[in-house]
């Protein structure tokens, strides 16, 4: 999966870039359809904000997290996106697994 990391009013260090890539590899195991993710990191006074966007077939997933530490914000962001990808996969798989219109009738009554 290609992870694009950008920073608003901050420089992205190689350590931050590798940390984001390492954490986002967890999302890649959740779905084989993931090909690209865009992460934007902000620092506003004492708040660190991480935003992430994933394009999946049929939907776009977006999440953000605000923490006092940038690494904690990245962890929270990946947790939120992981839940969204899991929910998206469940919707896709459960949608076509209905009983096909067959109803259980009691013929003895």
N, C-alpha and C. Protein backbone atom coordinates (compact mmCIF):
# COMPACT_ATOMS: atom_id res chain seq x y z
N UNK A 1 0.85 -1.17 0.00
CA UNK A 1 0.00 0.00 0.00
C UNK A 1 0.89 1.23 0.00
N UNK A 2 0.54 2.20 -0.81
CA UNK A 2 1.26 3.45 -0.88
C UNK A 2 0.69 4.41 0.17
N UNK A 3 1.55 4.90 1.06
CA UNK A 3 1.13 5.83 2.10
C UNK A 3 1.79 7.17 1.81
N UNK A 4 0.96 8.16 1.54
CA UNK A 4 1.44 9.51 1.25
C UNK A 4 1.30 10.34 2.52
N UNK A 5 2.40 10.83 3.06
CA UNK A 5 2.40 11.59 4.30
C UNK A 5 2.82 13.02 4.00
N UNK A 6 1.97 13.98 4.38
CA UNK A 6 2.29 15.38 4.22
C UNK A 6 2.11 16.09 5.55
N UNK A 7 2.74 17.23 5.67
CA UNK A 7 2.64 18.01 6.90
C UNK A 7 2.24 19.44 6.61
N UNK A 8 1.37 19.98 7.44
CA UNK A 8 0.99 21.38 7.33
C UNK A 8 1.74 22.15 8.40
N UNK A 9 2.56 23.07 7.97
CA UNK A 9 3.36 23.91 8.84
C UNK A 9 4.28 23.10 9.74
N UNK A 10 4.77 21.99 9.22
CA UNK A 10 5.75 21.18 9.95
C UNK A 10 6.51 20.33 8.94
N UNK A 11 7.71 19.96 9.32
CA UNK A 11 8.52 19.07 8.48
C UNK A 11 8.27 17.63 8.91
N UNK A 12 8.13 16.75 7.93
CA UNK A 12 7.93 15.34 8.22
C UNK A 12 9.31 14.68 8.31
N UNK A 13 9.63 14.20 9.47
CA UNK A 13 10.92 13.53 9.67
C UNK A 13 10.84 12.10 9.16
N UNK A 14 11.97 11.52 8.84
CA UNK A 14 11.96 10.10 8.41
C UNK A 14 11.38 9.18 9.49
N UNK A 15 11.59 9.53 10.76
CA UNK A 15 11.04 8.70 11.84
C UNK A 15 9.51 8.74 11.83
N UNK A 16 8.92 9.93 11.63
CA UNK A 16 7.46 10.03 11.56
C UNK A 16 6.92 9.29 10.34
N UNK A 17 7.61 9.44 9.20
CA UNK A 17 7.16 8.78 7.98
C UNK A 17 7.18 7.25 8.13
N UNK A 18 8.24 6.72 8.73
CA UNK A 18 8.32 5.27 8.90
C UNK A 18 7.31 4.78 9.94
N UNK A 19 7.04 5.59 10.97
CA UNK A 19 6.06 5.22 11.99
C UNK A 19 4.66 5.13 11.38
N UNK A 20 4.31 6.10 10.54
CA UNK A 20 3.01 6.09 9.88
C UNK A 20 2.90 4.88 8.96
N UNK A 21 3.93 4.60 8.19
CA UNK A 21 3.90 3.45 7.28
C UNK A 21 3.78 2.14 8.03
N UNK A 22 4.49 2.04 9.15
CA UNK A 22 4.42 0.82 9.97
C UNK A 22 3.03 0.61 10.54
N UNK A 23 2.42 1.68 11.05
CA UNK A 23 1.08 1.56 11.63
C UNK A 23 0.02 1.28 10.56
N UNK A 24 0.19 1.85 9.38
CA UNK A 24 -0.80 1.67 8.31
C UNK A 24 -0.71 0.29 7.68
N UNK A 25 0.37 -0.42 7.91
CA UNK A 25 0.46 -1.78 7.38
C UNK A 25 -0.59 -2.68 8.04
N UNK A 26 -1.04 -2.31 9.23
CA UNK A 26 -2.12 -3.05 9.90
C UNK A 26 -3.41 -2.97 9.11
N UNK A 27 -3.65 -1.82 8.47
CA UNK A 27 -4.86 -1.66 7.67
C UNK A 27 -4.80 -2.51 6.40
N UNK A 28 -3.61 -2.69 5.89
CA UNK A 28 -3.43 -3.47 4.66
C UNK A 28 -3.82 -4.93 4.88
N UNK A 29 -3.60 -5.43 6.07
CA UNK A 29 -3.99 -6.82 6.37
C UNK A 29 -5.50 -6.97 6.45
N UNK A 30 -6.20 -5.87 6.76
CA UNK A 30 -7.65 -5.90 6.93
C UNK A 30 -8.38 -6.01 5.59
N UNK A 31 -7.81 -5.40 4.54
CA UNK A 31 -8.49 -5.40 3.25
C UNK A 31 -7.46 -5.45 2.13
N UNK A 32 -7.70 -6.31 1.14
CA UNK A 32 -6.79 -6.42 0.01
C UNK A 32 -7.05 -5.32 -1.03
N UNK A 33 -8.13 -4.59 -0.91
CA UNK A 33 -8.49 -3.55 -1.87
C UNK A 33 -7.78 -2.22 -1.61
N UNK A 34 -7.08 -2.10 -0.49
CA UNK A 34 -6.38 -0.85 -0.18
C UNK A 34 -5.16 -0.70 -1.07
N UNK A 35 -5.07 0.44 -1.73
CA UNK A 35 -3.90 0.68 -2.57
C UNK A 35 -3.20 1.97 -2.19
N UNK A 36 -3.96 2.97 -1.70
CA UNK A 36 -3.36 4.26 -1.38
C UNK A 36 -4.04 4.88 -0.18
N UNK A 37 -3.23 5.52 0.65
CA UNK A 37 -3.73 6.23 1.82
C UNK A 37 -3.01 7.57 1.90
N UNK A 38 -3.74 8.61 2.24
CA UNK A 38 -3.16 9.93 2.37
C UNK A 38 -3.28 10.37 3.83
N UNK A 39 -2.17 10.75 4.44
CA UNK A 39 -2.14 11.17 5.84
C UNK A 39 -1.60 12.59 5.89
N UNK A 40 -2.31 13.47 6.61
CA UNK A 40 -1.88 14.85 6.80
C UNK A 40 -1.67 15.07 8.30
N UNK A 41 -0.51 15.59 8.65
CA UNK A 41 -0.16 15.86 10.04
C UNK A 41 -0.09 17.37 10.26
N UNK A 42 -0.73 17.84 11.35
CA UNK A 42 -0.76 19.27 11.71
C UNK A 42 -0.22 19.43 13.13
N UNK A 43 0.34 20.58 13.40
CA UNK A 43 0.66 20.96 14.77
C UNK A 43 0.08 22.36 14.99
N UNK A 44 -0.82 22.48 15.96
CA UNK A 44 -1.45 23.76 16.29
C UNK A 44 -1.24 24.00 17.78
N UNK A 45 -0.35 24.90 18.11
CA UNK A 45 0.00 25.21 19.48
C UNK A 45 0.37 23.93 20.23
N UNK A 46 -0.45 23.49 21.15
CA UNK A 46 -0.12 22.28 21.92
C UNK A 46 -0.87 21.05 21.45
N UNK A 47 -1.58 21.17 20.33
CA UNK A 47 -2.37 20.04 19.83
C UNK A 47 -1.75 19.49 18.56
N UNK A 48 -1.67 18.19 18.48
CA UNK A 48 -1.19 17.51 17.28
C UNK A 48 -2.37 16.82 16.64
N UNK A 49 -2.54 17.02 15.35
CA UNK A 49 -3.69 16.47 14.65
C UNK A 49 -3.21 15.62 13.49
N UNK A 50 -3.82 14.46 13.35
CA UNK A 50 -3.53 13.54 12.25
C UNK A 50 -4.84 13.27 11.51
N UNK A 51 -4.82 13.44 10.20
CA UNK A 51 -5.99 13.16 9.36
C UNK A 51 -5.60 12.11 8.34
N UNK A 52 -6.54 11.23 8.04
CA UNK A 52 -6.27 10.18 7.07
C UNK A 52 -7.44 9.96 6.15
N UNK A 53 -7.14 9.63 4.89
CA UNK A 53 -8.18 9.37 3.89
C UNK A 53 -7.79 8.13 3.11
N UNK A 54 -8.75 7.23 2.95
CA UNK A 54 -8.55 6.00 2.19
C UNK A 54 -9.65 5.94 1.13
N UNK A 55 -9.26 5.66 -0.10
CA UNK A 55 -10.21 5.46 -1.18
C UNK A 55 -10.40 3.97 -1.39
N UNK A 56 -11.63 3.51 -1.18
CA UNK A 56 -11.99 2.11 -1.41
C UNK A 56 -13.04 2.06 -2.52
N UNK A 57 -13.16 0.94 -3.19
CA UNK A 57 -14.23 0.82 -4.18
C UNK A 57 -15.60 0.99 -3.52
N UNK A 58 -16.33 2.00 -3.93
CA UNK A 58 -17.66 2.21 -3.38
C UNK A 58 -17.73 3.21 -2.26
N UNK A 59 -16.61 3.64 -1.69
CA UNK A 59 -16.67 4.62 -0.61
C UNK A 59 -15.29 5.23 -0.35
N UNK A 60 -15.32 6.36 0.33
CA UNK A 60 -14.11 7.02 0.80
C UNK A 60 -14.18 7.05 2.32
N UNK A 61 -13.12 6.65 2.97
CA UNK A 61 -13.08 6.64 4.42
C UNK A 61 -12.20 7.78 4.89
N UNK A 62 -12.67 8.51 5.91
CA UNK A 62 -11.92 9.63 6.46
C UNK A 62 -11.99 9.57 7.97
N UNK A 63 -10.88 9.89 8.61
CA UNK A 63 -10.85 9.97 10.07
C UNK A 63 -9.79 10.98 10.47
N UNK A 64 -9.97 11.54 11.66
CA UNK A 64 -8.95 12.42 12.22
C UNK A 64 -8.86 12.19 13.71
N UNK A 65 -7.73 12.57 14.28
CA UNK A 65 -7.50 12.39 15.70
C UNK A 65 -6.65 13.55 16.20
N UNK A 66 -7.00 14.06 17.39
CA UNK A 66 -6.27 15.16 18.01
C UNK A 66 -5.76 14.69 19.37
N UNK A 67 -4.47 14.81 19.57
CA UNK A 67 -3.84 14.42 20.84
C UNK A 67 -2.75 15.42 21.17
N UNK A 68 -2.15 15.28 22.34
CA UNK A 68 -1.05 16.15 22.73
C UNK A 68 0.28 15.67 22.14
N UNK A 69 0.36 14.41 21.77
CA UNK A 69 1.56 13.83 21.20
C UNK A 69 1.25 13.36 19.78
N UNK A 70 2.15 13.60 18.85
CA UNK A 70 1.91 13.23 17.45
C UNK A 70 1.82 11.72 17.28
N UNK A 71 2.63 10.97 17.99
CA UNK A 71 2.59 9.52 17.87
C UNK A 71 1.26 8.97 18.41
N UNK A 72 0.73 9.57 19.47
CA UNK A 72 -0.57 9.15 20.00
C UNK A 72 -1.68 9.50 19.01
N UNK A 73 -1.56 10.64 18.34
CA UNK A 73 -2.56 11.02 17.34
C UNK A 73 -2.55 10.05 16.16
N UNK A 74 -1.36 9.61 15.75
CA UNK A 74 -1.26 8.64 14.65
C UNK A 74 -1.86 7.31 15.07
N UNK A 75 -1.60 6.88 16.30
CA UNK A 75 -2.19 5.63 16.80
C UNK A 75 -3.71 5.70 16.81
N UNK A 76 -4.26 6.81 17.31
CA UNK A 76 -5.71 6.97 17.36
C UNK A 76 -6.31 7.01 15.96
N UNK A 77 -5.62 7.66 15.03
CA UNK A 77 -6.09 7.74 13.65
C UNK A 77 -6.16 6.35 13.02
N UNK A 78 -5.12 5.57 13.19
CA UNK A 78 -5.10 4.22 12.61
C UNK A 78 -6.17 3.34 13.25
N UNK A 79 -6.41 3.49 14.54
CA UNK A 79 -7.48 2.73 15.20
C UNK A 79 -8.84 3.07 14.60
N UNK A 80 -9.09 4.35 14.38
CA UNK A 80 -10.37 4.76 13.81
C UNK A 80 -10.54 4.24 12.38
N UNK A 81 -9.50 4.37 11.58
CA UNK A 81 -9.58 3.88 10.21
C UNK A 81 -9.72 2.36 10.16
N UNK A 82 -9.08 1.66 11.09
CA UNK A 82 -9.18 0.21 11.15
C UNK A 82 -10.63 -0.21 11.41
N UNK A 83 -11.29 0.48 12.33
CA UNK A 83 -12.70 0.17 12.60
C UNK A 83 -13.57 0.44 11.38
N UNK A 84 -13.28 1.53 10.66
CA UNK A 84 -14.08 1.85 9.48
C UNK A 84 -13.87 0.84 8.36
N UNK A 85 -12.63 0.40 8.15
CA UNK A 85 -12.36 -0.60 7.11
C UNK A 85 -13.03 -1.92 7.47
N UNK A 86 -12.99 -2.29 8.74
CA UNK A 86 -13.63 -3.53 9.19
C UNK A 86 -15.14 -3.46 8.95
N UNK A 87 -15.75 -2.33 9.28
CA UNK A 87 -17.19 -2.15 9.08
C UNK A 87 -17.53 -2.16 7.59
N UNK A 88 -16.70 -1.54 6.78
CA UNK A 88 -16.92 -1.53 5.32
C UNK A 88 -16.87 -2.94 4.76
N UNK A 89 -15.91 -3.75 5.22
CA UNK A 89 -15.82 -5.13 4.74
C UNK A 89 -17.01 -5.96 5.18
N UNK A 90 -17.50 -5.75 6.39
CA UNK A 90 -18.66 -6.50 6.86
C UNK A 90 -19.90 -6.14 6.06
N UNK A 91 -20.05 -4.88 5.72
CA UNK A 91 -21.20 -4.47 4.91
C UNK A 91 -21.16 -5.13 3.54
N UNK A 92 -19.97 -5.18 2.93
CA UNK A 92 -19.85 -5.77 1.60
C UNK A 92 -20.13 -7.27 1.63
N UNK A 93 -19.70 -7.97 2.67
CA UNK A 93 -19.87 -9.42 2.72
C UNK A 93 -21.27 -9.81 3.18
N UNK A 94 -21.87 -9.07 4.08
CA UNK A 94 -23.19 -9.43 4.61
C UNK A 94 -24.32 -9.02 3.67
N UNK A 95 -24.06 -8.13 2.74
CA UNK A 95 -25.11 -7.63 1.87
C UNK A 95 -25.69 -8.72 0.97
N UNK A 96 -24.88 -9.63 0.51
CA UNK A 96 -25.35 -10.65 -0.43
C UNK A 96 -25.57 -12.01 0.21
N UNK A 97 -25.57 -12.09 1.50
CA UNK A 97 -25.74 -13.37 2.16
C UNK A 97 -27.12 -13.52 2.79
N UNK A 98 -28.13 -13.01 2.11
CA UNK A 98 -29.48 -13.20 2.61
C UNK A 98 -29.95 -14.61 2.24
N UNK A 99 -31.14 -14.95 2.64
CA UNK A 99 -31.63 -16.31 2.39
C UNK A 99 -32.25 -16.46 1.01
N UNK A 100 -32.14 -15.46 0.19
CA UNK A 100 -32.61 -15.58 -1.19
C UNK A 100 -34.12 -15.62 -1.33
N UNK A 101 -34.84 -15.04 -0.39
CA UNK A 101 -36.29 -14.99 -0.50
C UNK A 101 -36.99 -16.24 0.00
N UNK A 102 -36.27 -17.24 0.46
CA UNK A 102 -36.90 -18.45 0.98
C UNK A 102 -37.39 -18.20 2.40
N UNK A 103 -38.62 -18.56 2.63
CA UNK A 103 -39.21 -18.34 3.95
C UNK A 103 -39.52 -19.70 4.57
N UNK A 104 -39.41 -19.75 5.86
CA UNK A 104 -39.68 -20.97 6.58
C UNK A 104 -41.15 -21.00 6.98
N UNK A 105 -41.96 -21.74 6.24
CA UNK A 105 -43.37 -21.85 6.52
C UNK A 105 -43.64 -23.16 7.26
N UNK A 106 -44.60 -23.12 8.16
CA UNK A 106 -45.00 -24.32 8.88
C UNK A 106 -46.17 -24.94 8.11
N UNK A 107 -45.92 -26.04 7.43
CA UNK A 107 -46.94 -26.66 6.59
C UNK A 107 -47.88 -27.57 7.38
N UNK A 108 -47.57 -27.88 8.63
CA UNK A 108 -48.41 -28.77 9.42
C UNK A 108 -49.58 -28.06 10.05
N UNK A 109 -49.61 -26.77 10.07
CA UNK A 109 -50.65 -26.04 10.78
C UNK A 109 -51.92 -25.96 10.04
